[in-house]
C-alpha atoms as a PDB file:
ATOM      1  CA  MET A   1      -8.536  27.983-114.805  1.00  0.00           C
ATOM      2  CA  VAL A   2     -10.310  29.166-111.736  1.00  0.00           C
ATOM      3  CA  LYS A   3     -11.970  32.599-111.309  1.00  0.00           C
ATOM      4  CA  LYS A   4     -12.136  34.386-107.838  1.00  0.00           C
ATOM      5  CA  TRP A   5     -14.195  37.090-107.258  1.00  0.00           C
ATOM      6  CA  THR A   6     -16.461  38.793-104.333  1.00  0.00           C
ATOM      7  CA  ILE A   7     -20.224  38.058-104.371  1.00  0.00           C
ATOM      8  CA  SER A   8     -22.938  39.216-101.945  1.00  0.00           C
ATOM      9  CA  TYR A   9     -24.343  37.115 -99.938  1.00  0.00           C
ATOM     10  CA  PRO A  10     -27.473  38.003 -97.319  1.00  0.00           C
ATOM     11  CA  ALA A  11     -25.994  36.530 -94.267  1.00  0.00           C
ATOM     12  CA  ALA A  12     -27.948  36.460 -90.961  1.00  0.00           C
ATOM     13  CA  GLY A  13     -26.602  39.515 -89.631  1.00  0.00           C
ATOM     14  CA  GLY A  14     -26.860  41.644 -93.233  1.00  0.00           C
ATOM     15  CA  ALA A  15     -24.995  41.582 -96.579  1.00  0.00           C
ATOM     16  CA  GLU A  16     -21.714  40.194 -96.459  1.00  0.00           C
ATOM     17  CA  GLU A  17     -19.205  40.210 -99.163  1.00  0.00           C
ATOM     18  CA  ARG A  18     -17.603  36.505 -99.420  1.00  0.00           C
ATOM     19  CA  ASN A  19     -15.451  34.935-101.995  1.00  0.00           C
ATOM     20  CA  ALA A  20     -16.614  32.839-105.196  1.00  0.00           C
ATOM     21  CA  TYR A  21     -14.661  30.726-107.080  1.00  0.00           C
ATOM     22  CA  ILE A  22     -15.538  29.058-110.584  1.00  0.00           C
ATOM     23  CA  TYR A  23     -13.289  26.429-111.978  1.00  0.00           C
ATOM     24  CA  LEU A  24     -13.367  26.304-115.971  1.00  0.00           C
ATOM     25  CA  PRO A  25     -11.920  23.112-117.783  1.00  0.00           C
ATOM     26  CA  GLU A  26      -9.196  23.750-120.642  1.00  0.00           C
ATOM     27  CA  SER A  27     -11.157  22.912-123.512  1.00  0.00           C
ATOM     28  CA  TYR A  28     -13.881  25.835-121.978  1.00  0.00           C
ATOM     29  CA  ASP A  29     -12.016  28.446-124.220  1.00  0.00           C
ATOM     30  CA  HIS A  30     -11.060  26.202-127.354  1.00  0.00           C
ATOM     31  CA  GLU A  31     -14.909  24.908-127.761  1.00  0.00           C
ATOM     32  CA  PRO A  32     -17.009  27.699-127.565  1.00  0.00           C
ATOM     33  CA  ASP A  33     -20.098  25.747-128.435  1.00  0.00           C
ATOM     34  CA  ARG A  34     -19.941  23.090-125.550  1.00  0.00           C
ATOM     35  CA  ARG A  35     -21.774  23.562-122.602  1.00  0.00           C
ATOM     36  CA  TYR A  36     -20.813  21.439-119.210  1.00  0.00           C
ATOM     37  CA  PRO A  37     -22.193  19.676-116.234  1.00  0.00           C
ATOM     38  CA  VAL A  38     -21.471  22.047-112.832  1.00  0.00           C
ATOM     39  CA  LEU A  39     -20.917  20.640-109.473  1.00  0.00           C
ATOM     40  CA  TYR A  40     -21.694  23.416-106.474  1.00  0.00           C
ATOM     41  CA  MET A  41     -19.567  23.093-103.541  1.00  0.00           C
ATOM     42  CA  PHE A  42     -19.783  24.693-100.253  1.00  0.00           C
ATOM     43  CA  ASP A  43     -16.800  26.001 -98.036  1.00  0.00           C
ATOM     44  CA  GLY A  44     -15.335  27.592-101.262  1.00  0.00           C
ATOM     45  CA  HIS A  45     -12.280  28.808 -99.721  1.00  0.00           C
ATOM     46  CA  ASN A  46     -11.083  25.495 -99.128  1.00  0.00           C
ATOM     47  CA  VAL A  47     -11.381  23.774-102.312  1.00  0.00           C
ATOM     48  CA  PHE A  48      -8.890  25.068-104.672  1.00  0.00           C
ATOM     49  CA  PHE A  49      -6.002  27.124-103.027  1.00  0.00           C
ATOM     50  CA  ASP A  50      -3.940  26.227-100.326  1.00  0.00           C
ATOM     51  CA  TRP A  51      -3.391  29.989 -99.393  1.00  0.00           C
ATOM     52  CA  ASP A  52      -7.302  30.797 -98.875  1.00  0.00           C
ATOM     53  CA  ALA A  53      -8.045  27.465 -97.138  1.00  0.00           C
ATOM     54  CA  THR A  54      -8.680  27.921 -93.367  1.00  0.00           C
ATOM     55  CA  TYR A  55      -6.109  25.186 -92.278  1.00  0.00           C
ATOM     56  CA  GLY A  56      -3.362  26.148 -94.928  1.00  0.00           C
ATOM     57  CA  LYS A  57      -4.300  22.779 -97.270  1.00  0.00           C
ATOM     58  CA  SER A  58      -7.244  22.904 -99.970  1.00  0.00           C
ATOM     59  CA  TRP A  59      -8.589  19.646-101.676  1.00  0.00           C
ATOM     60  CA  GLY A  60      -6.474  20.464-104.662  1.00  0.00           C
ATOM     61  CA  MET A  61      -9.406  20.537-106.846  1.00  0.00           C
ATOM     62  CA  LYS A  62      -8.029  22.205-109.641  1.00  0.00           C
ATOM     63  CA  GLU A  63      -4.970  20.155-109.785  1.00  0.00           C
ATOM     64  CA  TYR A  64      -7.024  16.951-109.660  1.00  0.00           C
ATOM     65  CA  LEU A  65      -9.265  17.792-112.417  1.00  0.00           C
ATOM     66  CA  ASP A  66      -6.228  19.353-114.679  1.00  0.00           C
ATOM     67  CA  TYR A  67      -4.530  16.004-114.884  1.00  0.00           C
ATOM     68  CA  MET A  68      -7.764  13.732-115.246  1.00  0.00           C
ATOM     69  CA  GLY A  69      -9.069  16.024-118.024  1.00  0.00           C
ATOM     70  CA  THR A  70     -12.695  16.132-116.371  1.00  0.00           C
ATOM     71  CA  GLN A  71     -15.218  18.368-118.445  1.00  0.00           C
ATOM     72  CA  VAL A  72     -17.066  19.805-115.612  1.00  0.00           C
ATOM     73  CA  ILE A  73     -17.289  23.197-114.004  1.00  0.00           C
ATOM     74  CA  VAL A  74     -17.053  23.702-110.246  1.00  0.00           C
ATOM     75  CA  ALA A  75     -18.450  26.909-108.830  1.00  0.00           C
ATOM     76  CA  ALA A  76     -17.975  27.576-104.816  1.00  0.00           C
ATOM     77  CA  VAL A  77     -18.831  29.794-102.392  1.00  0.00           C
ATOM     78  CA  GLU A  78     -17.054  30.982 -99.132  1.00  0.00           C
ATOM     79  CA  CYS A  79     -18.633  30.204 -95.840  1.00  0.00           C
ATOM     80  CA  SER A  80     -19.311  32.291 -93.003  1.00  0.00           C
ATOM     81  CA  HIS A  81     -15.998  33.372 -90.499  1.00  0.00           C
ATOM     82  CA  SER A  82     -17.946  35.146 -87.974  1.00  0.00           C
ATOM     83  CA  PRO A  83     -16.739  34.714 -84.609  1.00  0.00           C
ATOM     84  CA  ASP A  84     -20.215  33.102 -82.999  1.00  0.00           C
ATOM     85  CA  ASN A  85     -19.904  30.104 -85.257  1.00  0.00           C
ATOM     86  CA  GLY A  86     -21.995  31.482 -88.123  1.00  0.00           C
ATOM     87  CA  ARG A  87     -20.977  28.792 -90.163  1.00  0.00           C
ATOM     88  CA  LEU A  88     -22.825  26.120 -88.138  1.00  0.00           C
ATOM     89  CA  SER A  89     -25.814  28.474 -88.479  1.00  0.00           C
ATOM     90  CA  GLU A  90     -25.591  28.992 -91.956  1.00  0.00           C
ATOM     91  CA  TYR A  91     -24.429  25.395 -92.793  1.00  0.00           C
ATOM     92  CA  SER A  92     -27.642  23.627 -90.933  1.00  0.00           C
ATOM     93  CA  PRO A  93     -31.034  22.779 -92.303  1.00  0.00           C
ATOM     94  CA  PHE A  94     -31.933  22.099 -88.548  1.00  0.00           C
ATOM     95  CA  ASP A  95     -31.937  23.810 -85.733  1.00  0.00           C
ATOM     96  CA  PHE A  96     -29.774  22.278 -83.119  1.00  0.00           C
ATOM     97  CA  GLN A  97     -27.858  22.095 -79.878  1.00  0.00           C
ATOM     98  CA  ASP A  98     -24.173  21.735 -79.390  1.00  0.00           C
ATOM     99  CA  PRO A  99     -22.923  20.847 -75.901  1.00  0.00           C
ATOM    100  CA  LYS A 100     -19.627  22.779 -76.725  1.00  0.00           C
ATOM    101  CA  PHE A 101     -21.069  26.078 -78.863  1.00  0.00           C
ATOM    102  CA  GLY A 102     -24.615  26.048 -77.708  1.00  0.00           C
ATOM    103  CA  ARG A 103     -27.901  26.318 -79.572  1.00  0.00           C
ATOM    104  CA  PHE A 104     -27.968  27.227 -83.212  1.00  0.00           C
ATOM    105  CA  LYS A 105     -30.954  28.567 -85.345  1.00  0.00           C
ATOM    106  CA  GLY A 106     -30.709  26.297 -88.322  1.00  0.00           C
ATOM    107  CA  ARG A 107     -30.618  28.587 -91.743  1.00  0.00           C
ATOM    108  CA  GLY A 108     -29.835  25.991 -94.221  1.00  0.00           C
ATOM    109  CA  ARG A 109     -32.848  26.326 -95.934  1.00  0.00           C
ATOM    110  CA  GLU A 110     -31.676  30.335 -96.352  1.00  0.00           C
ATOM    111  CA  THR A 111     -28.986  29.202 -98.053  1.00  0.00           C
ATOM    112  CA  MET A 112     -30.025  26.996-100.353  1.00  0.00           C
ATOM    113  CA  GLU A 113     -32.476  29.386-101.577  1.00  0.00           C
ATOM    114  CA  TRP A 114     -29.784  31.691-102.167  1.00  0.00           C
ATOM    115  CA  PHE A 115     -27.691  28.899-103.638  1.00  0.00           C
ATOM    116  CA  VAL A 116     -30.813  28.040-106.057  1.00  0.00           C
ATOM    117  CA  ASN A 117     -32.106  31.647-107.110  1.00  0.00           C
ATOM    118  CA  CYS A 118     -29.001  33.655-106.588  1.00  0.00           C
ATOM    119  CA  PHE A 119     -25.946  31.943-107.314  1.00  0.00           C
ATOM    120  CA  LYS A 120     -26.945  28.916-109.571  1.00  0.00           C
ATOM    121  CA  ALA A 121     -29.036  31.177-111.855  1.00  0.00           C
ATOM    122  CA  GLY A 122     -26.437  33.808-111.844  1.00  0.00           C
ATOM    123  CA  ILE A 123     -23.811  30.813-113.100  1.00  0.00           C
ATOM    124  CA  ASP A 124     -26.095  29.531-115.570  1.00  0.00           C
ATOM    125  CA  ALA A 125     -26.365  33.128-116.999  1.00  0.00           C
ATOM    126  CA  GLU A 126     -23.033  33.900-117.267  1.00  0.00           C
ATOM    127  CA  TYR A 127     -21.161  30.425-118.353  1.00  0.00           C
ATOM    128  CA  ARG A 128     -21.997  27.826-120.659  1.00  0.00           C
ATOM    129  CA  THR A 129     -23.338  25.310-118.541  1.00  0.00           C
ATOM    130  CA  LEU A 130     -25.786  22.529-119.168  1.00  0.00           C
ATOM    131  CA  PRO A 131     -28.348  23.840-116.240  1.00  0.00           C
ATOM    132  CA  GLN A 132     -30.931  20.825-116.043  1.00  0.00           C
ATOM    133  CA  ARG A 133     -31.141  18.944-113.142  1.00  0.00           C
ATOM    134  CA  GLU A 134     -29.574  15.875-115.073  1.00  0.00           C
ATOM    135  CA  TYR A 135     -26.271  18.030-114.818  1.00  0.00           C
ATOM    136  CA  THR A 136     -26.483  19.728-111.726  1.00  0.00           C
ATOM    137  CA  MET A 137     -24.351  18.462-108.631  1.00  0.00           C
ATOM    138  CA  ILE A 138     -23.489  19.980-105.090  1.00  0.00           C
ATOM    139  CA  GLY A 139     -20.956  18.640-102.935  1.00  0.00           C
ATOM    140  CA  GLY A 140     -18.690  19.393 -99.329  1.00  0.00           C
ATOM    141  CA  SER A 141     -17.607  18.340 -96.500  1.00  0.00           C
ATOM    142  CA  SER A 142     -18.530  18.237 -92.479  1.00  0.00           C
ATOM    143  CA  MET A 143     -21.231  20.772 -92.488  1.00  0.00           C
ATOM    144  CA  GLY A 144     -21.161  21.218 -96.001  1.00  0.00           C
ATOM    145  CA  GLY A 145     -21.635  17.671 -96.691  1.00  0.00           C
ATOM    146  CA  LEU A 146     -24.778  17.734 -94.188  1.00  0.00           C
ATOM    147  CA  MET A 147     -25.806  20.636 -96.869  1.00  0.00           C
ATOM    148  CA  ALA A 148     -24.730  18.585 -99.883  1.00  0.00           C
ATOM    149  CA  LEU A 149     -26.825  15.975 -98.602  1.00  0.00           C
ATOM    150  CA  TYR A 150     -29.983  17.887 -97.475  1.00  0.00           C
ATOM    151  CA  ALA A 151     -30.097  19.337-100.638  1.00  0.00           C
ATOM    152  CA  VAL A 152     -29.928  16.307-102.743  1.00  0.00           C
ATOM    153  CA  LEU A 153     -32.923  15.604-100.824  1.00  0.00           C
ATOM    154  CA  GLU A 154     -34.966  18.421-100.286  1.00  0.00           C
ATOM    155  CA  TYR A 155     -33.958  19.809-103.350  1.00  0.00           C
ATOM    156  CA  ASN A 156     -33.940  16.698-105.809  1.00  0.00           C
ATOM    157  CA  HIS A 157     -35.808  18.641-108.497  1.00  0.00           C
ATOM    158  CA  ILE A 158     -32.376  20.650-108.784  1.00  0.00           C
ATOM    159  CA  PHE A 159     -29.632  18.629-107.915  1.00  0.00           C
ATOM    160  CA  SER A 160     -29.515  15.079-109.102  1.00  0.00           C
ATOM    161  CA  ARG A 161     -26.216  14.112-107.759  1.00  0.00           C
ATOM    162  CA  ALA A 162     -24.534  15.000-104.388  1.00  0.00           C
ATOM    163  CA  ALA A 163     -20.987  13.843-102.619  1.00  0.00           C
ATOM    164  CA  ALA A 164     -21.324  14.312 -98.892  1.00  0.00           C
ATOM    165  CA  LEU A 165     -17.833  13.587 -97.340  1.00  0.00           C
ATOM    166  CA  SER A 166     -17.919  13.196 -93.404  1.00  0.00           C
ATOM    167  CA  PRO A 167     -21.587  14.584 -93.359  1.00  0.00           C
ATOM    168  CA  SER A 168     -22.706  16.203 -89.961  1.00  0.00           C
ATOM    169  CA  VAL A 169     -25.323  13.753 -89.563  1.00  0.00           C
ATOM    170  CA  TRP A 170     -25.147  14.238 -85.698  1.00  0.00           C
ATOM    171  CA  VAL A 171     -26.875  17.431 -86.416  1.00  0.00           C
ATOM    172  CA  SER A 172     -30.705  16.424 -85.831  1.00  0.00           C
ATOM    173  CA  PRO A 173     -30.175  12.936 -86.889  1.00  0.00           C
ATOM    174  CA  ALA A 174     -34.079  12.465 -85.827  1.00  0.00           C
ATOM    175  CA  ARG A 175     -35.316  15.277 -88.484  1.00  0.00           C
ATOM    176  CA  LEU A 176     -32.598  14.045 -91.012  1.00  0.00           C
ATOM    177  CA  THR A 177     -33.735  10.303 -91.059  1.00  0.00           C
ATOM    178  CA  ARG A 178     -37.328  11.740 -91.601  1.00  0.00           C
ATOM    179  CA  LEU A 179     -36.243  13.526 -94.395  1.00  0.00           C
ATOM    180  CA  ALA A 180     -34.378  10.580 -95.926  1.00  0.00           C
ATOM    181  CA  ARG A 181     -37.508   8.586 -95.301  1.00  0.00           C
ATOM    182  CA  GLU A 182     -40.011  11.098 -96.874  1.00  0.00           C
ATOM    183  CA  ALA A 183     -38.305  13.323 -99.449  1.00  0.00           C
ATOM    184  CA  ARG A 184     -39.535  13.446-103.134  1.00  0.00           C
ATOM    185  CA  LEU A 185     -36.760  11.524-104.838  1.00  0.00           C
ATOM    186  CA  ALA A 186     -36.325  10.784-108.631  1.00  0.00           C
ATOM    187  CA  GLY A 187     -35.149   7.358-109.537  1.00  0.00           C
ATOM    188  CA  ASP A 188     -31.734   8.527-111.107  1.00  0.00           C
ATOM    189  CA  THR A 189     -30.200  10.496-107.897  1.00  0.00           C
ATOM    190  CA  ILE A 190     -26.720   9.670-107.221  1.00  0.00           C
ATOM    191  CA  LEU A 191     -25.099  10.075-104.111  1.00  0.00           C
ATOM    192  CA  TYR A 192     -21.813   9.381-102.704  1.00  0.00           C
ATOM    193  CA  MET A 193     -21.134   9.634 -99.017  1.00  0.00           C
ATOM    194  CA  ASP A 194     -18.187   8.475 -96.521  1.00  0.00           C
ATOM    195  CA  TYR A 195     -16.571   8.980 -93.309  1.00  0.00           C
ATOM    196  CA  GLY A 196     -13.263   8.485 -92.128  1.00  0.00           C
ATOM    197  CA  SER A 197     -12.343   5.495 -89.403  1.00  0.00           C
ATOM    198  CA  GLY A 198     -11.017   7.887 -87.320  1.00  0.00           C
ATOM    199  CA  GLU A 199     -13.659  10.052 -87.201  1.00  0.00           C
ATOM    200  CA  GLY A 200     -16.421   8.053 -84.869  1.00  0.00           C
ATOM    201  CA  GLU A 201     -14.817   8.229 -81.833  1.00  0.00           C
ATOM    202  CA  PHE A 202     -15.138  11.812 -81.338  1.00  0.00           C
ATOM    203  CA  ARG A 203     -18.923  11.523 -81.767  1.00  0.00           C
ATOM    204  CA  PRO A 204     -20.584   8.537 -80.013  1.00  0.00           C
ATOM    205  CA  GLY A 205     -23.512   7.056 -82.635  1.00  0.00           C
ATOM    206  CA  LEU A 206     -21.830   8.739 -85.413  1.00  0.00           C
ATOM    207  CA  ILE A 207     -21.139   6.016 -87.887  1.00  0.00           C
ATOM    208  CA  SER A 208     -24.470   4.367 -86.841  1.00  0.00           C
ATOM    209  CA  HIS A 209     -26.183   7.694 -87.856  1.00  0.00           C
ATOM    210  CA  PHE A 210     -24.160   7.550 -91.192  1.00  0.00           C
ATOM    211  CA  SER A 211     -25.195   3.803 -91.770  1.00  0.00           C
ATOM    212  CA  ARG A 212     -29.068   4.410 -91.131  1.00  0.00           C
ATOM    213  CA  ILE A 213     -29.469   7.035 -93.487  1.00  0.00           C
ATOM    214  CA  ALA A 214     -27.426   5.479 -96.306  1.00  0.00           C
ATOM    215  CA  SER A 215     -29.606   2.191 -95.639  1.00  0.00           C
ATOM    216  CA  ILE A 216     -32.638   4.088 -96.055  1.00  0.00           C
ATOM    217  CA  LEU A 217     -31.614   5.902 -99.116  1.00  0.00           C
ATOM    218  CA  MET A 218     -30.632   2.859-100.427  1.00  0.00           C
ATOM    219  CA  GLU A 219     -33.873   1.010-100.024  1.00  0.00           C
ATOM    220  CA  ARG A 220     -35.504   4.055-101.436  1.00  0.00           C
ATOM    221  CA  GLY A 221     -33.312   3.401-104.831  1.00  0.00           C
ATOM    222  CA  VAL A 222     -31.314   6.080-104.724  1.00  0.00           C
ATOM    223  CA  MET A 223     -27.777   5.121-106.207  1.00  0.00           C
ATOM    224  CA  ALA A 224     -25.549   5.320-103.447  1.00  0.00           C
ATOM    225  CA  GLU A 225     -22.111   4.665-102.651  1.00  0.00           C
ATOM    226  CA  CYS A 226     -20.879   4.962 -99.131  1.00  0.00           C
ATOM    227  CA  ARG A 227     -17.521   4.355 -97.659  1.00  0.00           C
ATOM    228  CA  ILE A 228     -15.802   4.153 -94.511  1.00  0.00           C
ATOM    229  CA  VAL A 229     -12.466   5.258 -95.316  1.00  0.00           C
ATOM    230  CA  PRO A 230      -9.482   3.405 -93.953  1.00  0.00           C
ATOM    231  CA  TRP A 231      -7.831   5.952 -91.538  1.00  0.00           C
ATOM    232  CA  GLY A 232      -9.736   8.550 -93.017  1.00  0.00           C
ATOM    233  CA  THR A 233      -9.783  11.740 -90.927  1.00  0.00           C
ATOM    234  CA  HIS A 234     -11.762  15.023 -90.373  1.00  0.00           C
ATOM    235  CA  CYS A 235      -9.427  17.144 -92.390  1.00  0.00           C
ATOM    236  CA  GLU A 236      -9.255  18.918 -96.335  1.00  0.00           C
ATOM    237  CA  ALA A 237      -6.281  16.383 -96.863  1.00  0.00           C
ATOM    238  CA  SER A 238      -7.854  13.072 -96.280  1.00  0.00           C
ATOM    239  CA  TRP A 239     -10.985  14.423 -98.414  1.00  0.00           C
ATOM    240  CA  GLU A 240      -8.278  15.566-101.114  1.00  0.00           C
ATOM    241  CA  ARG A 241      -7.622  11.505-101.274  1.00  0.00           C
ATOM    242  CA  GLN A 242     -11.260  10.703-101.508  1.00  0.00           C
ATOM    243  CA  LEU A 243     -11.124  12.980-105.146  1.00  0.00           C
ATOM    244  CA  PRO A 244     -11.309   9.712-107.544  1.00  0.00           C
ATOM    245  CA  PHE A 245     -13.863   7.935-105.570  1.00  0.00           C
ATOM    246  CA  PHE A 246     -16.750  10.635-105.213  1.00  0.00           C
ATOM    247  CA  MET A 247     -15.819  12.185-108.831  1.00  0.00           C
ATOM    248  CA  ASN A 248     -15.924   8.982-110.521  1.00  0.00           C
ATOM    249  CA  THR A 249     -19.237   8.146-108.986  1.00  0.00           C
ATOM    250  CA  ILE A 250     -21.260  11.420-109.403  1.00  0.00           C
ATOM    251  CA  MET A 251     -19.598  11.919-112.946  1.00  0.00           C
ATOM    252  CA  TYR A 252     -20.723   8.947-113.775  1.00  0.00           C
ATOM    253  CA  GLY A 253     -22.219   9.129-117.482  1.00  0.00           C
ATOM    254  CA  LEU A 254     -21.904  12.526-117.851  1.00  0.00           C
ATOM    255  CA  GLU A 255     -18.561  13.016-119.695  1.00  0.00           C
ATOM    256  CA  GLU A 256     -18.724  12.242-123.674  1.00  0.00           C
END
């Protein structure tokens, strides 16, 4: 079951109404004493329903979780759709310059503060979650993948596991590399991270940045599964095909 509602988000230009979504496994209504781990996701409009997705294709998360019987709650929030590329600002931890779109103020920390203190707090209050760090995960793709990576590094005391699909590591790679080296990380941190083999040609050095960050984190003891997806591309259809890979990784040990 997926519930959808509107939520007030304090965007840069003032409060905005966004769609929020929550997936509850079938057992939720039948086992009233049971509590569940939670996966938080960015770009919530692309997670569940094709009719809400930006390009008409979602990840098909509900169908996959129902089919597999995965016992997890998934909570997601829509991104900014402002015409001045508000998503790039909202989902970047760092200020950056893009040759196509110009210069952006990174508001990723503001976004994460809202996710942690408002959205997660509200989900924990309303639903039967396991709110402890051990059971709290975060995921996303593209700029949302960058944010998932940032969250598990900078907010490691909140999120123990992350799935970063096609993360936009081209955004300030030097600062991201420094964060990977210096972040305070617990020894049980789990990370899934991938890129499609067809993505690197669009941004020179992308796979090199990806590999460097992956190597640093593995050297630091992060339990990381990092892949170059054969013939993978930068789209929801490709990310949907990675569901078995990243869900098996981040859910390992959490299901009874």
